[in-house]
């Protein structure tokens, strides 16, 4: 923990009630962020926008399998959370460019750490899943 975060309790150091009330879990800022980034497309959109700003159609072409509707919903959610900036240009037809806000950029480092952990542990996770499948009779 950095010196700037001294005195800030770690989630692992925080005692949770048992059982954890569902409304407390719903209000948890960590759960809220995980809900946002845990969907099928959000991390990919954030990573692409972390490389450079993109216009809507660039993003749509750059993400195989995402519908225009789902890309629009994903971008709106990220904009609502303050992670993505939407800039409209007065052209005919109007064009829109999306970029990460400073808050969105600050998410790149924790996402990178999670990605590193996932890659480093993918073999162990796969082995555990196979063993669980065998135990379950699958």
Foldseek 3Di string as FASTA:
>chain_A
DDPVCPPPDDPVRDDADVPHDPVVCVPDPVNVVCVLCVDDPQVVVLVVLLVDKDWLVVVVVVDPPDDSVNSVVNQVVCVVVQQKDWDWDPDVVIIIIIHGDVVNNVVVVVVVVVVVVCVVCVVVVVVVVVVVCVVVVD
